[in-house]
């Protein structure tokens, strides 16, 4: 019974505490980031092409290595 009460108090304190914490800032006012017009928010034009290519190349190399090792282990048996 004591374990149930402690667990319930812990869950209640977590739920009430989480409602008081805010991880994000409040949204900007309706005309906050563009003034007049429909301008993108700050940092909206970040390039992802170079990083995506690097990740794809590393993934292909890792997959090729795994296939090669599996094929090599199969040949030894």
Protein backbone atom coordinates (compact mmCIF):
# COMPACT_ATOMS: atom_id res chain seq x y z
CA UNK A 1 0.00 0.00 0.00
CA UNK A 2 2.85 2.34 0.85
CA UNK A 3 4.43 1.73 -2.58
CA UNK A 4 1.16 2.63 -4.33
CA UNK A 5 0.82 5.89 -2.38
CA UNK A 6 4.41 6.88 -3.10
CA UNK A 7 3.97 6.09 -6.80
CA UNK A 8 0.72 8.08 -6.95
CA UNK A 9 2.31 11.08 -5.22
CA UNK A 10 5.27 10.91 -7.56
CA UNK A 11 3.07 10.82 -10.66
CA UNK A 12 0.93 13.69 -9.38
CA UNK A 13 3.97 15.82 -8.64
CA UNK A 14 5.36 15.12 -12.12
CA UNK A 15 2.08 15.99 -13.81
CA UNK A 16 1.59 19.23 -11.87
CA UNK A 17 5.23 20.20 -12.29
CA UNK A 18 5.20 19.57 -16.03
CA UNK A 19 2.25 21.87 -16.51
CA UNK A 20 4.19 24.71 -14.90
CA UNK A 21 7.31 24.29 -17.04
CA UNK A 22 7.48 25.61 -20.56
CA UNK A 23 10.17 24.46 -22.96
CA UNK A 24 9.28 26.93 -25.70
CA UNK A 25 9.00 30.67 -25.76
CA UNK A 26 5.58 32.12 -26.47
CA UNK A 27 4.78 32.60 -30.16
CA UNK A 28 5.57 35.96 -31.77
CA UNK A 29 2.84 38.46 -32.35
CA UNK A 30 0.88 38.06 -35.61
CA UNK A 31 3.07 40.57 -37.45
CA UNK A 32 6.23 39.75 -35.46
CA UNK A 33 8.71 38.23 -37.88
CA UNK A 34 7.73 39.72 -41.18
CA UNK A 35 6.37 43.11 -40.30
CA UNK A 36 3.99 43.49 -43.20
CA UNK A 37 3.80 40.58 -45.56
CA UNK A 38 4.56 36.90 -45.48
CA UNK A 39 8.29 36.74 -44.78
CA UNK A 40 9.84 33.47 -43.52
CA UNK A 41 11.00 33.14 -39.93
CA UNK A 42 14.68 33.53 -39.03
CA UNK A 43 16.84 30.59 -40.13
CA UNK A 44 14.29 29.34 -42.64
CA UNK A 45 16.78 28.94 -45.50
CA UNK A 46 19.23 26.47 -43.94
CA UNK A 47 20.86 24.24 -46.59
CA UNK A 48 20.58 20.49 -45.96
CA UNK A 49 21.97 19.15 -49.24
CA UNK A 50 25.60 18.68 -48.19
CA UNK A 51 24.81 17.00 -44.91
CA UNK A 52 22.24 14.74 -46.50
CA UNK A 53 24.75 13.54 -49.10
CA UNK A 54 27.34 12.82 -46.41
CA UNK A 55 24.83 10.83 -44.37
CA UNK A 56 23.74 8.82 -47.40
CA UNK A 57 27.36 8.04 -48.31
CA UNK A 58 28.20 6.95 -44.76
CA UNK A 59 25.06 4.80 -44.59
CA UNK A 60 25.91 3.13 -47.91
CA UNK A 61 29.49 2.47 -46.76
CA UNK A 62 28.29 1.00 -43.46
CA UNK A 63 25.71 -1.18 -45.20
CA UNK A 64 28.31 -2.36 -47.74
CA UNK A 65 30.68 -3.27 -44.94
CA UNK A 66 27.99 -5.28 -43.16
CA UNK A 67 27.07 -7.14 -46.37
CA UNK A 68 30.74 -7.84 -47.15
CA UNK A 69 31.42 -9.22 -43.67
CA UNK A 70 28.29 -11.39 -43.79
CA UNK A 71 29.30 -12.71 -47.22
CA UNK A 72 32.86 -13.35 -46.02
CA UNK A 73 31.65 -15.20 -42.90
CA UNK A 74 29.36 -17.33 -45.06
CA UNK A 75 32.26 -18.28 -47.34
CA UNK A 76 34.31 -19.50 -44.37
CA UNK A 77 31.64 -21.97 -43.25
